[in-house]
Amino acid sequence: MEYPVKVSKDAEKDILTAKCHYRISGMERLFDDDFIKQLTYLKANPFLYQIYYRNVRRSHFDSFKYAIHFVVQNDALYILRILHHKQELI
């Protein structure tokens, strides 16, 4: 079963900021590929990720130091933030 995904405004801003950063260094396509790969796996297997904080789970990118912070509620995935490992979830 694939879970539907809902993305918060903060997560949208996070991904646009990261893509802009990697566009400058010429790695935007690699970042996009890694993000799509994580999202595809996440939609099919959200409960394989351990709870990090208050029902928030994290899916780490393979090649970049980013993580998707999400919760599963009402048979849907809610992506809260997409943060670099040195950023704090607030």
PDB file of N, CA and C in Angstrom:
ATOM      1  N   MET A   1       0.841  -1.188   0.000  1.00  0.00           N
ATOM      2  CA  MET A   1       0.000   0.000   0.000  1.00  0.00           C
ATOM      3  C   MET A   1       0.879   1.242   0.000  1.00  0.00           C
ATOM      4  N   GLU A   2       0.613   2.146  -0.906  1.00  0.00           N
ATOM      5  CA  GLU A   2       1.324   3.421  -0.915  1.00  0.00           C
ATOM      6  C   GLU A   2       0.492   4.458  -0.187  1.00  0.00           C
ATOM      7  N   TYR A   3       1.123   5.157   0.715  1.00  0.00           N
ATOM      8  CA  TYR A   3       0.448   6.189   1.480  1.00  0.00           C
ATOM      9  C   TYR A   3       0.449   7.499   0.704  1.00  0.00           C
ATOM     10  N   PRO A   4      -0.665   8.235   0.730  1.00  0.00           N
ATOM     11  CA  PRO A   4      -0.653   9.558   0.102  1.00  0.00           C
ATOM     12  C   PRO A   4       0.247  10.497   0.910  1.00  0.00           C
ATOM     13  N   VAL A   5       0.860  11.447   0.220  1.00  0.00           N
ATOM     14  CA  VAL A   5       1.815  12.347   0.855  1.00  0.00           C
ATOM     15  C   VAL A   5       1.267  13.764   0.865  1.00  0.00           C
ATOM     16  N   LYS A   6       1.341  14.392   2.027  1.00  0.00           N
ATOM     17  CA  LYS A   6       0.978  15.803   2.167  1.00  0.00           C
ATOM     18  C   LYS A   6       2.216  16.537   2.670  1.00  0.00           C
ATOM     19  N   VAL A   7       2.534  17.650   2.031  1.00  0.00           N
ATOM     20  CA  VAL A   7       3.770  18.371   2.319  1.00  0.00           C
ATOM     21  C   VAL A   7       3.439  19.721   2.946  1.00  0.00           C
ATOM     22  N   SER A   8       4.088  20.027   4.061  1.00  0.00           N
ATOM     23  CA  SER A   8       3.858  21.308   4.729  1.00  0.00           C
ATOM     24  C   SER A   8       4.531  22.437   3.960  1.00  0.00           C
ATOM     25  N   LYS A   9       4.111  23.651   4.238  1.00  0.00           N
ATOM     26  CA  LYS A   9       4.721  24.835   3.608  1.00  0.00           C
ATOM     27  C   LYS A   9       6.195  24.936   3.979  1.00  0.00           C
ATOM     28  N   ASP A  10       6.537  24.597   5.231  1.00  0.00           N
ATOM     29  CA  ASP A  10       7.930  24.642   5.667  1.00  0.00           C
ATOM     30  C   ASP A  10       8.787  23.655   4.877  1.00  0.00           C
ATOM     31  N   ALA A  11       8.246  22.465   4.624  1.00  0.00           N
ATOM     32  CA  ALA A  11       8.996  21.460   3.862  1.00  0.00           C
ATOM     33  C   ALA A  11       9.193  21.911   2.421  1.00  0.00           C
ATOM     34  N   GLU A  12       8.188  22.562   1.853  1.00  0.00           N
ATOM     35  CA  GLU A  12       8.326  23.088   0.494  1.00  0.00           C
ATOM     36  C   GLU A  12       9.449  24.116   0.428  1.00  0.00           C
ATOM     37  N   LYS A  13       9.502  25.005   1.420  1.00  0.00           N
ATOM     38  CA  LYS A  13      10.570  26.009   1.481  1.00  0.00           C
ATOM     39  C   LYS A  13      11.930  25.345   1.660  1.00  0.00           C
ATOM     40  N   ASP A  14      11.977  24.313   2.512  1.00  0.00           N
ATOM     41  CA  ASP A  14      13.234  23.608   2.755  1.00  0.00           C
ATOM     42  C   ASP A  14      13.790  22.986   1.481  1.00  0.00           C
ATOM     43  N   ILE A  15      12.931  22.333   0.712  1.00  0.00           N
ATOM     44  CA  ILE A  15      13.402  21.658  -0.489  1.00  0.00           C
ATOM     45  C   ILE A  15      13.829  22.665  -1.551  1.00  0.00           C
ATOM     46  N   LEU A  16      13.122  23.776  -1.657  1.00  0.00           N
ATOM     47  CA  LEU A  16      13.508  24.807  -2.615  1.00  0.00           C
ATOM     48  C   LEU A  16      14.844  25.444  -2.248  1.00  0.00           C
ATOM     49  N   THR A  17      15.067  25.663  -0.967  1.00  0.00           N
ATOM     50  CA  THR A  17      16.339  26.218  -0.500  1.00  0.00           C
ATOM     51  C   THR A  17      17.491  25.270  -0.799  1.00  0.00           C
ATOM     52  N   ALA A  18      17.295  23.999  -0.509  1.00  0.00           N
ATOM     53  CA  ALA A  18      18.346  23.008  -0.749  1.00  0.00           C
ATOM     54  C   ALA A  18      18.632  22.878  -2.245  1.00  0.00           C
ATOM     55  N   LYS A  19      17.575  22.853  -3.049  1.00  0.00           N
ATOM     56  CA  LYS A  19      17.767  22.740  -4.497  1.00  0.00           C
ATOM     57  C   LYS A  19      18.512  23.950  -5.056  1.00  0.00           C
ATOM     58  N   CYS A  20      18.222  25.117  -4.536  1.00  0.00           N
ATOM     59  CA  CYS A  20      18.916  26.329  -4.970  1.00  0.00           C
ATOM     60  C   CYS A  20      20.404  26.233  -4.640  1.00  0.00           C
ATOM     61  N   HIS A  21      20.712  25.755  -3.450  1.00  0.00           N
ATOM     62  CA  HIS A  21      22.109  25.584  -3.038  1.00  0.00           C
ATOM     63  C   HIS A  21      22.837  24.617  -3.974  1.00  0.00           C
ATOM     64  N   TYR A  22      22.213  23.491  -4.265  1.00  0.00           N
ATOM     65  CA  TYR A  22      22.855  22.488  -5.110  1.00  0.00           C
ATOM     66  C   TYR A  22      22.845  22.861  -6.589  1.00  0.00           C
ATOM     67  N   ARG A  23      21.932  23.750  -6.999  1.00  0.00           N
ATOM     68  CA  ARG A  23      21.932  24.245  -8.373  1.00  0.00           C
ATOM     69  C   ARG A  23      23.217  25.035  -8.635  1.00  0.00           C
ATOM     70  N   ILE A  24      23.640  25.806  -7.643  1.00  0.00           N
ATOM     71  CA  ILE A  24      24.852  26.611  -7.775  1.00  0.00           C
ATOM     72  C   ILE A  24      26.075  25.716  -7.972  1.00  0.00           C
ATOM     73  N   SER A  25      26.116  24.599  -7.262  1.00  0.00           N
ATOM     74  CA  SER A  25      27.268  23.697  -7.365  1.00  0.00           C
ATOM     75  C   SER A  25      27.105  22.640  -8.467  1.00  0.00           C
ATOM     76  N   GLY A  26      25.994  22.698  -9.212  1.00  0.00           N
ATOM     77  CA  GLY A  26      25.784  21.763 -10.316  1.00  0.00           C
ATOM     78  C   GLY A  26      25.337  20.374  -9.891  1.00  0.00           C
ATOM     79  N   MET A  27      24.817  20.250  -8.686  1.00  0.00           N
ATOM     80  CA  MET A  27      24.420  18.935  -8.178  1.00  0.00           C
ATOM     81  C   MET A  27      22.915  18.831  -7.947  1.00  0.00           C
ATOM     82  N   GLU A  28      22.148  19.738  -8.512  1.00  0.00           N
ATOM     83  CA  GLU A  28      20.709  19.749  -8.281  1.00  0.00           C
ATOM     84  C   GLU A  28      20.047  18.457  -8.759  1.00  0.00           C
ATOM     85  N   ARG A  29      20.447  17.956  -9.917  1.00  0.00           N
ATOM     86  CA  ARG A  29      19.855  16.730 -10.465  1.00  0.00           C
ATOM     87  C   ARG A  29      20.113  15.530  -9.549  1.00  0.00           C
ATOM     88  N   LEU A  30      21.324  15.431  -9.022  1.00  0.00           N
ATOM     89  CA  LEU A  30      21.650  14.337  -8.092  1.00  0.00           C
ATOM     90  C   LEU A  30      20.827  14.454  -6.809  1.00  0.00           C
ATOM     91  N   PHE A  31      20.650  15.676  -6.331  1.00  0.00           N
ATOM     92  CA  PHE A  31      19.836  15.904  -5.133  1.00  0.00           C
ATOM     93  C   PHE A  31      18.392  15.491  -5.393  1.00  0.00           C
ATOM     94  N   ASP A  32      17.847  15.913  -6.546  1.00  0.00           N
ATOM     95  CA  ASP A  32      16.475  15.539  -6.907  1.00  0.00           C
ATOM     96  C   ASP A  32      16.302  14.027  -6.976  1.00  0.00           C
ATOM     97  N   ASP A  33      17.255  13.356  -7.606  1.00  0.00           N
ATOM     98  CA  ASP A  33      17.181  11.897  -7.728  1.00  0.00           C
ATOM     99  C   ASP A  33      17.182  11.223  -6.361  1.00  0.00           C
ATOM    100  N   ASP A  34      18.042  11.693  -5.472  1.00  0.00           N
ATOM    101  CA  ASP A  34      18.119  11.127  -4.122  1.00  0.00           C
ATOM    102  C   ASP A  34      16.816  11.378  -3.364  1.00  0.00           C
ATOM    103  N   PHE A  35      16.265  12.581  -3.488  1.00  0.00           N
ATOM    104  CA  PHE A  35      15.007  12.923  -2.821  1.00  0.00           C
ATOM    105  C   PHE A  35      13.868  12.048  -3.328  1.00  0.00           C
ATOM    106  N   ILE A  36      13.754  11.892  -4.634  1.00  0.00           N
ATOM    107  CA  ILE A  36      12.685  11.080  -5.211  1.00  0.00           C
ATOM    108  C   ILE A  36      12.819   9.621  -4.799  1.00  0.00           C
ATOM    109  N   LYS A  37      14.046   9.130  -4.761  1.00  0.00           N
ATOM    110  CA  LYS A  37      14.287   7.749  -4.331  1.00  0.00           C
ATOM    111  C   LYS A  37      13.823   7.548  -2.884  1.00  0.00           C
ATOM    112  N   GLN A  38      14.166   8.481  -1.996  1.00  0.00           N
ATOM    113  CA  GLN A  38      13.759   8.366  -0.597  1.00  0.00           C
ATOM    114  C   GLN A  38      12.246   8.470  -0.452  1.00  0.00           C
ATOM    115  N   LEU A  39      11.646   9.386  -1.182  1.00  0.00           N
ATOM    116  CA  LEU A  39      10.201   9.580  -1.096  1.00  0.00           C
ATOM    117  C   LEU A  39       9.441   8.360  -1.595  1.00  0.00           C
ATOM    118  N   THR A  40       9.908   7.757  -2.667  1.00  0.00           N
ATOM    119  CA  THR A  40       9.271   6.554  -3.214  1.00  0.00           C
ATOM    120  C   THR A  40       9.307   5.414  -2.205  1.00  0.00           C
ATOM    121  N   TYR A  41      10.465   5.200  -1.595  1.00  0.00           N
ATOM    122  CA  TYR A  41      10.594   4.138  -0.597  1.00  0.00           C
ATOM    123  C   TYR A  41       9.767   4.464   0.640  1.00  0.00           C
ATOM    124  N   LEU A  42       9.762   5.717   1.024  1.00  0.00           N
ATOM    125  CA  LEU A  42       9.039   6.158   2.210  1.00  0.00           C
ATOM    126  C   LEU A  42       7.538   5.939   2.066  1.00  0.00           C
ATOM    127  N   LYS A  43       6.989   6.227   0.888  1.00  0.00           N
ATOM    128  CA  LYS A  43       5.554   6.056   0.667  1.00  0.00           C
ATOM    129  C   LYS A  43       5.129   4.606   0.808  1.00  0.00           C
ATOM    130  N   ALA A  44       6.002   3.683   0.458  1.00  0.00           N
ATOM    131  CA  ALA A  44       5.664   2.263   0.530  1.00  0.00           C
ATOM    132  C   ALA A  44       5.953   1.658   1.902  1.00  0.00           C
ATOM    133  N   ASN A  45       6.909   2.231   2.643  1.00  0.00           N
ATOM    134  CA  ASN A  45       7.359   1.622   3.903  1.00  0.00           C
ATOM    135  C   ASN A  45       7.566   2.646   5.030  1.00  0.00           C
ATOM    136  N   PRO A  46       6.583   3.425   5.393  1.00  0.00           N
ATOM    137  CA  PRO A  46       6.820   4.479   6.387  1.00  0.00           C
ATOM    138  C   PRO A  46       7.116   3.967   7.790  1.00  0.00           C
ATOM    139  N   PHE A  47       6.622   2.779   8.121  1.00  0.00           N
ATOM    140  CA  PHE A  47       6.804   2.290   9.481  1.00  0.00           C
ATOM    141  C   PHE A  47       8.139   1.580   9.703  1.00  0.00           C
ATOM    142  N   LEU A  48       8.984   1.520   8.681  1.00  0.00           N
ATOM    143  CA  LEU A  48      10.323   0.959   8.854  1.00  0.00           C
ATOM    144  C   LEU A  48      11.274   1.946   9.535  1.00  0.00           C
ATOM    145  N   TYR A  49      10.847   3.192   9.637  1.00  0.00           N
ATOM    146  CA  TYR A  49      11.686   4.222  10.247  1.00  0.00           C
ATOM    147  C   TYR A  49      11.282   4.401  11.708  1.00  0.00           C
ATOM    148  N   GLN A  50      12.295   4.474  12.558  1.00  0.00           N
ATOM    149  CA  GLN A  50      12.003   4.593  13.986  1.00  0.00           C
ATOM    150  C   GLN A  50      11.518   5.992  14.339  1.00  0.00           C
ATOM    151  N   ILE A  51      10.793   6.079  15.437  1.00  0.00           N
ATOM    152  CA  ILE A  51      10.301   7.366  15.918  1.00  0.00           C
ATOM    153  C   ILE A  51      11.474   8.131  16.495  1.00  0.00           C
ATOM    154  N   TYR A  52      11.603   9.355  16.042  1.00  0.00           N
ATOM    155  CA  TYR A  52      12.705  10.223  16.455  1.00  0.00           C
ATOM    156  C   TYR A  52      12.276  11.103  17.620  1.00  0.00           C
ATOM    157  N   TYR A  53      11.116  11.731  17.518  1.00  0.00           N
ATOM    158  CA  TYR A  53      10.648  12.658  18.542  1.00  0.00           C
ATOM    159  C   TYR A  53       9.156  12.892  18.342  1.00  0.00           C
ATOM    160  N   ARG A  54       8.365  12.661  19.382  1.00  0.00           N
ATOM    161  CA  ARG A  54       6.917  12.908  19.353  1.00  0.00           C
ATOM    162  C   ARG A  54       6.235  12.396  18.083  1.00  0.00           C
ATOM    163  N   ASN A  55       6.428  11.146  17.796  1.00  0.00           N
ATOM    164  CA  ASN A  55       5.856  10.474  16.615  1.00  0.00           C
ATOM    165  C   ASN A  55       6.431  10.953  15.293  1.00  0.00           C
ATOM    166  N   VAL A  56       7.476  11.761  15.334  1.00  0.00           N
ATOM    167  CA  VAL A  56       8.147  12.213  14.112  1.00  0.00           C
ATOM    168  C   VAL A  56       9.207  11.181  13.764  1.00  0.00           C
ATOM    169  N   ARG A  57       9.203  10.762  12.519  1.00  0.00           N
ATOM    170  CA  ARG A  57      10.176   9.800  12.013  1.00  0.00           C
ATOM    171  C   ARG A  57      11.085  10.510  11.011  1.00  0.00           C
ATOM    172  N   ARG A  58      12.254   9.907  10.727  1.00  0.00           N
ATOM    173  CA  ARG A  58      13.195  10.501   9.781  1.00  0.00           C
ATOM    174  C   ARG A  58      13.629   9.491   8.736  1.00  0.00           C
ATOM    175  N   SER A  59      13.707   9.956   7.505  1.00  0.00           N
ATOM    176  CA  SER A  59      14.249   9.168   6.407  1.00  0.00           C
ATOM    177  C   SER A  59      15.462   9.926   5.874  1.00  0.00           C
ATOM    178  N   HIS A  60      16.642   9.325   5.991  1.00  0.00           N
ATOM    179  CA  HIS A  60      17.880   9.988   5.580  1.00  0.00           C
ATOM    180  C   HIS A  60      18.162   9.752   4.098  1.00  0.00           C
ATOM    181  N   PHE A  61      18.624  10.794   3.432  1.00  0.00           N
ATOM    182  CA  PHE A  61      19.042  10.673   2.038  1.00  0.00           C
ATOM    183  C   PHE A  61      20.255   9.757   1.974  1.00  0.00           C
ATOM    184  N   ASP A  62      20.482   9.141   0.828  1.00  0.00           N
ATOM    185  CA  ASP A  62      21.637   8.260   0.659  1.00  0.00           C
ATOM    186  C   ASP A  62      22.933   9.033   0.442  1.00  0.00           C
ATOM    187  N   SER A  63      22.898  10.046  -0.415  1.00  0.00           N
ATOM    188  CA  SER A  63      24.129  10.728  -0.823  1.00  0.00           C
ATOM    189  C   SER A  63      24.303  12.122  -0.228  1.00  0.00           C
ATOM    190  N   PHE A  64      23.271  12.669   0.343  1.00  0.00           N
ATOM    191  CA  PHE A  64      23.323  14.025   0.891  1.00  0.00           C
ATOM    192  C   PHE A  64      22.980  13.982   2.369  1.00  0.00           C
ATOM    193  N   LYS A  65      23.473  14.950   3.102  1.00  0.00           N
ATOM    194  CA  LYS A  65      23.242  14.990   4.548  1.00  0.00           C
ATOM    195  C   LYS A  65      21.935  15.704   4.867  1.00  0.00           C
ATOM    196  N   TYR A  66      20.857  15.141   4.342  1.00  0.00           N
ATOM    197  CA  TYR A  66      19.506  15.657   4.572  1.00  0.00           C
ATOM    198  C   TYR A  66      18.623  14.531   5.062  1.00  0.00           C
ATOM    199  N   ALA A  67      17.540  14.913   5.730  1.00  0.00           N
ATOM    200  CA  ALA A  67      16.559  13.937   6.197  1.00  0.00           C
ATOM    201  C   ALA A  67      15.155  14.495   6.014  1.00  0.00           C
ATOM    202  N   ILE A  68      14.231  13.606   5.699  1.00  0.00           N
ATOM    203  CA  ILE A  68      12.820  13.959   5.602  1.00  0.00           C
ATOM    204  C   ILE A  68      12.205  13.655   6.964  1.00  0.00           C
ATOM    205  N   HIS A  69      11.645  14.659   7.611  1.00  0.00           N
ATOM    206  CA  HIS A  69      10.987  14.499   8.906  1.00  0.00           C
ATOM    207  C   HIS A  69       9.486  14.405   8.640  1.00  0.00           C
ATOM    208  N   PHE A  70       8.869  13.316   9.100  1.00  0.00           N
ATOM    209  CA  PHE A  70       7.474  13.075   8.752  1.00  0.00           C
ATOM    210  C   PHE A  70       6.739  12.366   9.877  1.00  0.00           C
ATOM    211  N   VAL A  71       5.406  12.418   9.807  1.00  0.00           N
ATOM    212  CA  VAL A  71       4.535  11.656  10.699  1.00  0.00           C
ATOM    213  C   VAL A  71       3.534  10.893   9.828  1.00  0.00           C
ATOM    214  N   VAL A  72       3.017   9.815  10.374  1.00  0.00           N
ATOM    215  CA  VAL A  72       1.980   9.037   9.697  1.00  0.00           C
ATOM    216  C   VAL A  72       0.712   9.179  10.530  1.00  0.00           C
ATOM    217  N   GLN A  73      -0.317   9.760   9.921  1.00  0.00           N
ATOM    218  CA  GLN A  73      -1.596   9.945  10.605  1.00  0.00           C
ATOM    219  C   GLN A  73      -2.723   9.765   9.602  1.00  0.00           C
ATOM    220  N   ASN A  74      -3.776   9.141  10.042  1.00  0.00           N
ATOM    221  CA  ASN A  74      -4.981   8.968   9.215  1.00  0.00           C
ATOM    222  C   ASN A  74      -4.654   8.403   7.840  1.00  0.00           C
ATOM    223  N   ASP A  75      -3.806   7.382   7.806  1.00  0.00           N
ATOM    224  CA  ASP A  75      -3.419   6.712   6.557  1.00  0.00           C
ATOM    225  C   ASP A  75      -2.821   7.666   5.520  1.00  0.00           C
ATOM    226  N   ALA A  76      -2.055   8.639   6.005  1.00  0.00           N
ATOM    227  CA  ALA A  76      -1.344   9.563   5.106  1.00  0.00           C
ATOM    228  C   ALA A  76      -0.005   9.935   5.729  1.00  0.00           C
ATOM    229  N   LEU A  77       0.944  10.291   4.873  1.00  0.00           N
ATOM    230  CA  LEU A  77       2.247  10.778   5.316  1.00  0.00           C
ATOM    231  C   LEU A  77       2.216  12.295   5.296  1.00  0.00           C
ATOM    232  N   TYR A  78       2.617  12.896   6.396  1.00  0.00           N
ATOM    233  CA  TYR A  78       2.710  14.342   6.472  1.00  0.00           C
ATOM    234  C   TYR A  78       4.183  14.700   6.608  1.00  0.00           C
ATOM    235  N   ILE A  79       4.733  15.299   5.562  1.00  0.00           N
ATOM    236  CA  ILE A  79       6.128  15.703   5.608  1.00  0.00           C
ATOM    237  C   ILE A  79       6.184  17.066   6.280  1.00  0.00           C
ATOM    238  N   LEU A  80       6.858  17.106   7.419  1.00  0.00           N
ATOM    239  CA  LEU A  80       6.937  18.332   8.201  1.00  0.00           C
ATOM    240  C   LEU A  80       8.071  19.228   7.740  1.00  0.00           C
ATOM    241  N   ARG A  81       9.261  18.645   7.601  1.00  0.00           N
ATOM    242  CA  ARG A  81      10.453  19.402   7.218  1.00  0.00           C
ATOM    243  C   ARG A  81      11.391  18.501   6.430  1.00  0.00           C
ATOM    244  N   ILE A  82      12.271  19.139   5.659  1.00  0.00           N
ATOM    245  CA  ILE A  82      13.366  18.447   4.978  1.00  0.00           C
ATOM    246  C   ILE A  82      14.610  19.226   5.354  1.00  0.00           C
ATOM    247  N   LEU A  83      15.385  18.682   6.276  1.00  0.00           N
ATOM    248  CA  LEU A  83      16.459  19.440   6.894  1.00  0.00           C
ATOM    249  C   LEU A  83      17.829  18.807   6.694  1.00  0.00           C
ATOM    250  N   HIS A  84      18.823  19.680   6.621  1.00  0.00           N
ATOM    251  CA  HIS A  84      20.218  19.242   6.659  1.00  0.00           C
ATOM    252  C   HIS A  84      20.475  18.707   8.056  1.00  0.00           C
ATOM    253  N   HIS A  85      21.396  17.793   8.205  1.00  0.00           N
ATOM    254  CA  HIS A  85      21.642  17.161   9.496  1.00  0.00           C
ATOM    255  C   HIS A  85      22.062  18.156  10.575  1.00  0.00           C
ATOM    256  N   LYS A  86      22.601  19.301  10.189  1.00  0.00           N
ATOM    257  CA  LYS A  86      23.027  20.283  11.189  1.00  0.00           C
ATOM    258  C   LYS A  86      21.927  21.268  11.567  1.00  0.00           C
ATOM    259  N   GLN A  87      20.761  21.166  10.944  1.00  0.00           N
ATOM    260  CA  GLN A  87      19.636  22.032  11.292  1.00  0.00           C
ATOM    261  C   GLN A  87      18.806  21.351  12.364  1.00  0.00           C
ATOM    262  N   GLU A  88      18.075  22.175  13.118  1.00  0.00           N
ATOM    263  CA  GLU A  88      17.228  21.681  14.182  1.00  0.00           C
ATOM    264  C   GLU A  88      15.760  21.686  13.740  1.00  0.00           C
ATOM    265  N   LEU A  89      15.016  20.670  14.138  1.00  0.00           N
ATOM    266  CA  LEU A  89      13.577  20.623  13.893  1.00  0.00           C
ATOM    267  C   LEU A  89      12.910  21.423  15.000  1.00  0.00           C
ATOM    268  N   ILE A  90      12.248  22.499  14.610  1.00  0.00           N
ATOM    269  CA  ILE A  90      11.611  23.373  15.616  1.00  0.00           C
ATOM    270  C   ILE A  90      10.126  23.421  15.367  1.00  0.00           C
TER     271      ILE A  90
END
